[in-house]
Protein backbone atom coordinates (compact mmCIF):
# COMPACT_ATOMS: atom_id res chain seq x y z
CA MET A 1 -61.78 -17.34 -19.85
CA PHE A 2 -62.48 -19.77 -16.99
CA LYS A 3 -65.99 -20.58 -18.38
CA VAL A 4 -64.59 -21.03 -21.86
CA ALA A 5 -61.96 -23.39 -20.58
CA VAL A 6 -64.54 -25.50 -18.75
CA CYS A 7 -66.62 -25.71 -21.91
CA ALA A 8 -63.53 -26.72 -23.83
CA LEU A 9 -62.86 -29.63 -21.49
CA LEU A 10 -66.48 -30.81 -21.74
CA VAL A 11 -66.51 -30.61 -25.52
CA LEU A 12 -63.17 -32.32 -25.93
CA ALA A 13 -64.39 -35.14 -23.72
CA SER A 14 -67.70 -35.68 -25.56
CA THR A 15 -67.19 -35.03 -29.28
CA ALA A 16 -64.60 -35.02 -32.03
CA ILE A 17 -64.74 -34.18 -35.71
CA ASN A 18 -64.29 -37.06 -38.09
CA VAL A 19 -61.47 -35.71 -40.22
CA GLN A 20 -61.51 -38.87 -42.35
CA SER A 21 -64.92 -37.99 -43.75
CA SER A 22 -65.02 -37.89 -47.55
CA ILE A 23 -66.30 -34.35 -47.40
CA TRP A 24 -62.87 -33.02 -46.48
CA THR A 25 -60.19 -32.37 -49.08
CA SER A 26 -56.57 -33.25 -48.49
CA LYS A 27 -55.90 -29.57 -47.87
CA ASP A 28 -58.67 -29.55 -45.25
CA GLN A 29 -57.26 -32.64 -43.62
CA LYS A 30 -53.82 -31.00 -43.45
CA ALA A 31 -55.39 -27.90 -41.91
CA PHE A 32 -57.22 -30.13 -39.40
CA ALA A 33 -53.91 -31.75 -38.48
CA GLN A 34 -52.28 -28.37 -37.83
CA ILE A 35 -55.31 -27.10 -35.91
CA HIS A 36 -55.46 -30.22 -33.75
CA GLN A 37 -51.91 -29.52 -32.60
CA SER A 38 -53.38 -26.54 -30.80
CA GLY A 39 -55.62 -27.05 -27.80
CA TRP A 40 -57.66 -23.97 -28.56
CA GLY A 41 -57.91 -24.77 -32.28
CA LYS A 42 -59.16 -28.28 -31.56
CA PHE A 43 -61.56 -26.91 -28.95
CA ILE A 44 -62.99 -24.36 -31.40
CA LEU A 45 -63.71 -26.96 -34.08
CA ASN A 46 -65.33 -29.35 -31.65
CA PHE A 47 -67.21 -26.51 -29.98
CA ALA A 48 -68.39 -25.26 -33.37
CA GLU A 49 -69.65 -28.72 -34.34
CA LEU A 50 -71.44 -29.04 -31.03
CA HIS A 51 -72.88 -25.54 -31.31
CA LEU A 52 -74.19 -26.03 -34.81
CA THR A 53 -75.53 -29.54 -34.28
CA THR A 54 -77.53 -28.27 -31.32
CA GLY A 55 -79.15 -25.56 -33.38
CA GLY A 56 -76.81 -22.69 -32.72
CA ILE A 57 -76.44 -19.81 -35.13
CA LEU A 58 -73.14 -19.47 -37.01
CA SER A 59 -72.94 -15.73 -36.42
CA GLU A 60 -73.18 -16.27 -32.69
CA LEU A 61 -70.46 -18.88 -32.95
CA ASN A 62 -68.23 -16.51 -34.90
CA SER A 63 -68.78 -13.82 -32.30
CA GLU A 64 -67.81 -16.11 -29.45
CA ILE A 65 -64.76 -17.42 -31.26
CA GLU A 66 -63.63 -13.92 -32.22
CA LYS A 67 -64.16 -12.92 -28.62
CA LEU A 68 -61.98 -15.85 -27.59
CA ILE A 69 -59.28 -14.86 -30.07
CA GLY A 70 -59.48 -11.28 -28.81
CA GLU A 71 -58.95 -12.48 -25.26
CA LEU A 72 -55.92 -14.50 -26.37
CA GLU A 73 -54.49 -11.48 -28.18
CA GLU A 74 -55.19 -9.30 -25.14
CA GLU A 75 -53.40 -11.80 -22.94
CA LEU A 76 -50.50 -11.87 -25.42
CA ALA A 77 -50.35 -8.07 -25.30
CA GLY A 78 -50.19 -8.36 -21.52
CA VAL A 79 -47.32 -10.81 -21.87
CA HIS A 80 -45.53 -8.31 -24.16
CA HIS A 81 -46.20 -5.50 -21.71
CA GLU A 82 -44.92 -7.42 -18.71
CA PHE A 83 -41.82 -8.49 -20.61
CA ASN A 84 -41.16 -4.94 -21.80
CA ARG A 85 -41.53 -3.76 -18.20
CA ARG A 86 -39.15 -6.54 -17.10
CA THR A 87 -36.73 -5.52 -19.85
CA ASP A 88 -36.79 -1.90 -18.66
CA VAL A 89 -36.12 -3.05 -15.10
CA HIS A 90 -33.34 -5.33 -16.37
CA ASN A 91 -31.68 -2.60 -18.40
CA ARG A 92 -31.78 -0.16 -15.47
CA GLU A 93 -30.45 -2.79 -13.09
CA VAL A 94 -27.67 -3.82 -15.48
CA ALA A 95 -26.71 -0.17 -16.07
CA ARG A 96 -26.64 0.45 -12.31
CA LEU A 97 -24.61 -2.67 -11.57
CA GLU A 98 -22.17 -2.07 -14.42
CA GLN A 99 -21.63 1.51 -13.21
CA GLU A 100 -21.08 0.33 -9.63
CA ILE A 101 -18.70 -2.37 -10.89
CA GLN A 102 -16.81 0.22 -12.92
CA ASP A 103 -16.61 2.53 -9.90
CA LYS A 104 -15.53 -0.33 -7.65
CA GLU A 105 -12.87 -1.46 -10.14
CA ARG A 106 -11.54 2.10 -10.26
CA GLU A 107 -11.46 2.23 -6.44
CA LEU A 108 -9.68 -1.13 -6.37
CA PHE A 109 -7.14 0.00 -8.98
CA ASN A 110 -6.47 3.20 -7.03
CA ALA A 111 -6.08 1.24 -3.79
CA HIS A 112 -3.57 -1.16 -5.40
CA ASP A 113 -1.75 1.76 -7.02
CA PHE A 114 -1.60 3.66 -3.72
CA PHE A 115 -0.32 0.56 -1.89
CA ASP A 116 2.25 -0.47 -4.52
CA ASN A 117 3.51 2.91 -5.70
CA VAL A 118 3.12 5.12 -2.61
CA LEU A 119 3.00 3.18 0.64
CA ILE A 120 5.58 0.47 -0.17
CA PRO A 121 8.24 2.88 -1.53
CA GLN A 122 7.49 5.27 1.34
CA GLY A 123 7.93 2.49 3.90
CA GLU A 124 11.21 1.42 2.30
CA ARG A 125 12.40 5.03 2.26
CA PHE A 126 11.47 5.51 5.92
CA ALA A 127 13.30 2.29 6.87
CA ALA A 128 16.44 3.42 5.00
CA GLN A 129 16.27 6.84 6.66
CA LEU A 130 15.91 5.23 10.10
CA GLU A 131 18.89 2.99 9.40
CA GLN A 132 20.92 6.05 8.36
CA LEU A 133 19.90 7.88 11.55
CA GLN A 134 20.95 4.91 13.67
CA GLU A 135 24.27 4.79 11.82
CA ASN A 136 24.68 8.54 12.41
CA ILE A 137 24.04 8.02 16.12
CA ALA A 138 26.61 5.23 16.27
CA ASN A 139 29.18 7.38 14.43
CA ASN A 140 28.38 10.30 16.72
CA ARG A 141 28.95 8.25 19.89
CA ARG A 142 32.06 6.66 18.40
CA THR A 143 33.47 10.08 17.54
CA LEU A 144 32.71 11.31 21.07
CA GLU A 145 34.37 8.26 22.61
CA GLN A 146 37.45 8.64 20.41
CA ALA A 147 37.66 12.37 21.18
CA THR A 148 37.31 11.68 24.91
CA VAL A 149 40.07 9.05 24.83
CA GLN A 150 42.31 11.35 22.79
CA ARG A 151 41.64 14.23 25.19
CA ALA A 152 42.59 12.03 28.15
CA ASN A 153 45.78 10.94 26.38
CA ASP A 154 46.64 14.52 25.43
CA HIS A 155 46.01 15.71 28.97
CA GLU A 156 48.18 12.94 30.35
CA THR A 157 50.93 14.00 27.95
CA PHE A 158 50.44 17.61 29.03
CA GLU A 159 50.75 16.72 32.70
CA ALA A 160 53.91 14.74 31.99
CA GLN A 161 55.38 17.70 30.10
CA VAL A 162 54.48 20.07 32.94
CA ALA A 163 56.16 17.76 35.43
CA GLU A 164 59.26 17.54 33.24
CA HIS A 165 59.42 21.31 32.86
CA ASN A 166 58.90 21.89 36.57
CA ASP A 167 61.58 19.35 37.41
CA ALA A 168 63.98 21.03 35.01
CA ILE A 169 63.17 24.51 36.30
CA SER A 170 63.63 23.32 39.90
CA ALA A 171 67.00 21.83 38.99
CA ILE A 172 68.02 25.08 37.28
CA ASP A 173 66.90 27.11 40.30
CA GLU A 174 68.95 24.85 42.55
CA CYS A 175 71.99 25.29 40.33
CA LEU A 176 71.54 29.07 40.27
CA GLN A 177 71.18 29.05 44.04
CA LEU A 178 74.34 27.01 44.35
CA LEU A 179 76.27 29.12 41.83
CA SER A 180 75.34 32.31 43.62
CA THR A 181 77.22 31.15 46.69
CA LEU A 182 80.36 29.94 44.88
CA GLU A 183 83.62 31.80 45.20
CA ALA A 184 86.12 28.98 45.51
CA PRO A 185 83.91 25.98 44.92
CA SER A 186 84.93 22.66 46.24
CA LEU A 187 84.97 19.54 44.13
CA ALA A 188 81.80 18.36 45.89
CA GLN A 189 79.95 21.55 44.97
CA ILE A 190 81.05 21.26 41.33
CA LYS A 191 79.87 17.66 41.28
CA LYS A 192 76.51 18.77 42.66
CA VAL A 193 76.09 21.33 39.88
CA GLN A 194 77.00 18.69 37.30
CA LYS A 195 74.52 16.29 38.92
CA ASN A 196 71.76 18.88 38.63
CA LEU A 197 72.64 19.39 34.97
CA ALA A 198 72.35 15.64 34.41
CA LYS A 199 68.95 15.78 36.11
CA ILE A 200 67.92 18.64 33.82
CA GLN A 201 69.14 16.71 30.79
CA SER A 202 67.11 13.67 31.85
CA SER A 203 63.97 15.79 32.41
CA LEU A 204 64.28 17.42 29.00
CA LYS A 205 65.41 14.42 26.98
CA LYS A 206 62.14 14.53 24.99
CA HIS A 207 62.58 18.22 24.10
CA ASN A 208 65.24 18.52 21.42
CA GLN A 209 65.14 22.33 21.47
CA PHE A 210 66.64 22.31 24.99
CA GLN A 211 69.23 19.62 24.49
CA ILE A 212 71.78 22.02 22.97
CA PHE A 213 71.54 24.29 26.01
CA VAL A 214 72.02 21.40 28.41
CA LYS A 215 74.94 20.06 26.39
CA VAL A 216 76.70 23.40 26.39
CA LEU A 217 76.15 23.81 30.13
CA LEU A 218 77.60 20.39 30.78
CA GLU A 219 80.68 21.21 28.77
CA ILE A 220 81.05 24.54 30.52
CA THR A 221 80.77 23.06 33.99
CA VAL A 222 83.30 20.36 33.12
CA ASP A 223 85.84 22.72 31.59
CA SER A 224 85.23 25.90 33.60
CA ASN A 225 87.13 27.17 36.53
CA PHE A 226 84.41 28.25 38.91
CA ALA A 227 86.98 30.52 40.59
CA ASP A 228 86.92 32.59 37.42
CA GLN A 229 84.13 35.05 38.11
CA GLY A 230 83.77 35.83 34.41
CA ALA A 231 83.22 32.17 33.57
CA LEU A 232 80.83 31.88 36.50
CA ARG A 233 78.78 34.78 35.22
CA ASP A 234 78.61 33.15 31.81
CA ILE A 235 77.31 29.96 33.39
CA VAL A 236 74.72 31.88 35.40
CA VAL A 237 73.59 33.70 32.24
CA ALA A 238 73.32 30.37 30.40
CA PHE A 239 71.25 28.89 33.24
CA ASN A 240 68.98 31.91 33.30
CA ASN A 241 68.52 31.76 29.53
CA LEU A 242 67.62 28.10 29.77
CA ARG A 243 65.20 28.84 32.59
CA VAL A 244 63.48 31.54 30.50
CA GLU A 245 63.16 29.11 27.59
CA LEU A 246 61.68 26.49 29.90
CA VAL A 247 59.19 28.91 31.44
CA ASP A 248 58.13 30.12 27.98
CA SER A 249 57.76 26.54 26.86
CA LEU A 250 55.69 25.70 29.97
CA ASN A 251 53.47 28.71 29.36
CA GLN A 252 52.99 27.68 25.73
CA ILE A 253 52.03 24.08 26.45
CA THR A 254 49.70 25.33 29.19
CA ALA A 255 48.04 27.70 26.71
CA ASP A 256 47.89 24.94 24.12
CA GLU A 257 46.25 22.66 26.70
CA ALA A 258 43.66 25.32 27.48
CA ASP A 259 42.91 25.75 23.77
CA GLN A 260 42.60 21.99 23.32
CA VAL A 261 40.30 21.73 26.35
CA ALA A 262 38.10 24.51 24.97
CA GLU A 263 38.09 22.87 21.54
CA PHE A 264 37.23 19.50 23.08
CA ASN A 265 34.42 20.99 25.18
CA ALA A 266 32.99 22.69 22.09
CA GLN A 267 33.22 19.42 20.17
CA VAL A 268 31.44 17.57 23.01
CA ILE A 269 28.64 20.15 23.01
CA GLN A 270 28.30 19.91 19.23
CA LEU A 271 28.31 16.11 19.26
CA ASN A 272 25.72 15.99 22.05
CA GLN A 273 23.54 18.47 20.19
CA GLU A 274 23.81 16.38 17.05
CA HIS A 275 23.03 13.27 19.08
CA ALA A 276 19.91 14.91 20.52
CA GLU A 277 18.81 15.95 17.03
CA PHE A 278 19.37 12.43 15.74
CA GLN A 279 17.36 11.02 18.65
CA ARG A 280 14.47 13.39 17.94
CA ALA A 281 14.64 12.46 14.27
CA VAL A 282 14.49 8.77 15.22
CA VAL A 283 11.33 9.38 17.27
CA VAL A 284 9.74 11.20 14.33
CA LYS A 285 10.87 8.54 11.87
CA ASN A 286 9.50 5.71 14.04
CA ALA A 287 6.18 7.54 14.18
CA GLU A 288 6.21 7.87 10.39
CA ILE A 289 7.02 4.17 10.01
CA GLU A 290 4.22 3.24 12.40
CA ALA A 291 1.78 5.46 10.51
CA ASN A 292 2.93 3.95 7.21
CA THR A 293 2.50 0.42 8.57
CA THR A 294 -0.99 1.26 9.84
CA LYS A 295 -1.89 2.79 6.48
CA GLN A 296 -0.63 -0.31 4.67
CA GLU A 297 -2.79 -2.53 6.88
CA GLN A 298 -5.82 -0.30 6.35
CA THR A 299 -5.25 -0.26 2.60
CA LEU A 300 -4.95 -4.05 2.45
CA GLU A 301 -8.21 -4.31 4.41
CA LEU A 302 -9.80 -1.86 1.97
CA ILE A 303 -8.55 -3.95 -0.96
CA ASP A 304 -10.11 -7.07 0.59
CA GLU A 305 -13.38 -5.21 1.09
CA LEU A 306 -13.34 -3.88 -2.46
CA ASP A 307 -12.59 -7.37 -3.80
CA ALA A 308 -15.53 -8.74 -1.84
CA ASP A 309 -17.80 -5.90 -2.96
CA LEU A 310 -16.72 -6.39 -6.56
CA ALA A 311 -17.37 -10.13 -6.35
CA THR A 312 -20.83 -9.41 -4.89
CA LEU A 313 -21.65 -6.93 -7.65
CA ASN A 314 -20.44 -9.31 -10.36
CA GLY A 315 -22.53 -12.04 -8.74
CA GLN A 316 -25.57 -9.77 -8.71
CA LEU A 317 -24.99 -8.86 -12.35
CA GLN A 318 -24.61 -12.51 -13.32
CA ALA A 319 -27.76 -13.41 -11.34
CA GLU A 320 -29.68 -10.59 -13.02
CA ASN A 321 -28.50 -11.67 -16.46
CA ASP A 322 -29.35 -15.29 -15.70
CA ASP A 323 -32.77 -14.33 -14.36
CA TYR A 324 -33.43 -12.13 -17.38
CA ALA A 325 -32.26 -14.87 -19.74
CA PHE A 326 -34.67 -17.28 -18.04
CA ALA A 327 -37.45 -14.67 -18.23
CA THR A 328 -36.63 -14.17 -21.90
CA ASP A 329 -36.84 -17.91 -22.56
CA VAL A 330 -40.19 -18.06 -20.75
CA TYR A 331 -41.38 -15.01 -22.66
CA ASN A 332 -40.33 -16.41 -26.03
CA ALA A 333 -41.91 -19.76 -25.25
CA THR A 334 -45.10 -18.08 -24.02
CA VAL A 335 -45.31 -15.79 -27.05
CA ALA A 336 -44.71 -18.73 -29.35
CA GLU A 337 -47.45 -20.69 -27.61
CA TYR A 338 -49.88 -17.78 -27.76
CA ASN A 339 -49.06 -17.17 -31.43
CA LYS A 340 -49.56 -20.86 -32.12
CA GLU A 341 -52.94 -20.85 -30.38
CA ILE A 342 -54.07 -17.61 -31.99
CA ASN A 343 -53.01 -18.78 -35.45
CA ALA A 344 -54.75 -22.12 -34.92
CA ALA A 345 -57.87 -20.33 -33.65
CA ASN A 346 -57.91 -18.12 -36.73
CA GLN A 347 -57.45 -21.15 -38.98
CA ALA A 348 -60.27 -22.92 -37.20
CA LEU A 349 -62.50 -19.87 -37.48
CA ASP A 350 -61.76 -19.65 -41.18
CA LEU A 351 -62.44 -23.36 -41.65
CA LEU A 352 -65.76 -23.46 -39.82
CA ASN A 353 -67.05 -20.57 -41.96
CA GLN A 354 -66.48 -22.61 -45.09
CA PRO A 355 -69.55 -24.31 -46.66
CA ARG A 356 -67.89 -27.69 -46.39
CA PHE A 357 -67.93 -27.48 -42.58
CA GLN A 358 -71.59 -26.67 -42.58
CA ASP A 359 -72.23 -29.54 -45.03
CA TYR A 360 -70.30 -31.80 -42.68
CA VAL A 361 -72.47 -30.72 -39.73
CA LYS A 362 -75.64 -31.35 -41.76
CA SER A 363 -74.38 -34.79 -42.77
CA GLN A 364 -73.72 -35.58 -39.15
CA LEU A 365 -77.27 -34.53 -38.25
CA LYS A 366 -78.76 -36.73 -41.00
CA GLY A 367 -76.62 -39.60 -39.87
CA ALA A 368 -77.98 -39.14 -36.38
């Protein structure tokens, strides 16, 4: 092809067919115009004229031209082959990229779905549970504080009641001691008994169940004749009865205090156990929140990576499509050019084998 091209340049520079010659018909002139639009067609006509005017044989010329056309068609077949190969590569590449894009889009969707519908609700749920645990801890400590204050108040009340009972019992014992020595009591001794009764009444003023006993004793000591041994015995019996009631009452409040202490201690143990459980739950919940936060951060990083990967794949797909579109344009233009040259070469070959062309060559030789 290189030698043929060199010959073409030499011929085109040195000769040209006179298409205005009277030998050519209007149809021939139109064919010449079409052929001259093609470099190879123009070359063939000029080469044919040169070949024949220098004594060349037409059959040899036909053989060379057909060989030239065959080379053009072979080159065109090569163009088709290369483009088909490029198309196969393009289709495989597009299929690969589209599959990777589809996979990446699915990964991205799953990552968003996992973040929005799993991690976020989970984090909110963990936060609410932690807040509830902290509220439980506060309630637990508040309950313990209230129970401790109430226990202190109840114990203080208990101690006051014990003191009151002991004071009353001591006063009764003093009265009984005094009464046991009375035979003809003096006014001073009677006053002392009455004073002790007033002391008992003051000690037991908060205990309504004993007030009736104290009241009766006061009346008896005011109205009684302590010289009357029968009346004295009645008073001693009344004092003893009151003392028994006071001792029973003291024993009862002491037992009640013991029960309340045991109940309080059990409540303290329970509250402290609950507090320890809440504290352990807080540690676990904080670990869960930290893990959730870390997973959220990792998922957001994954989403960014997937977005970047997806953008890269879409860019590669666009670049491949653009490159293939450009290759297609080049292919179409090349095929069109080859078809134009081959068609022009065939037209030129057909024209030079017509008698009129040979007559034209002969007329040119005569003119020379």
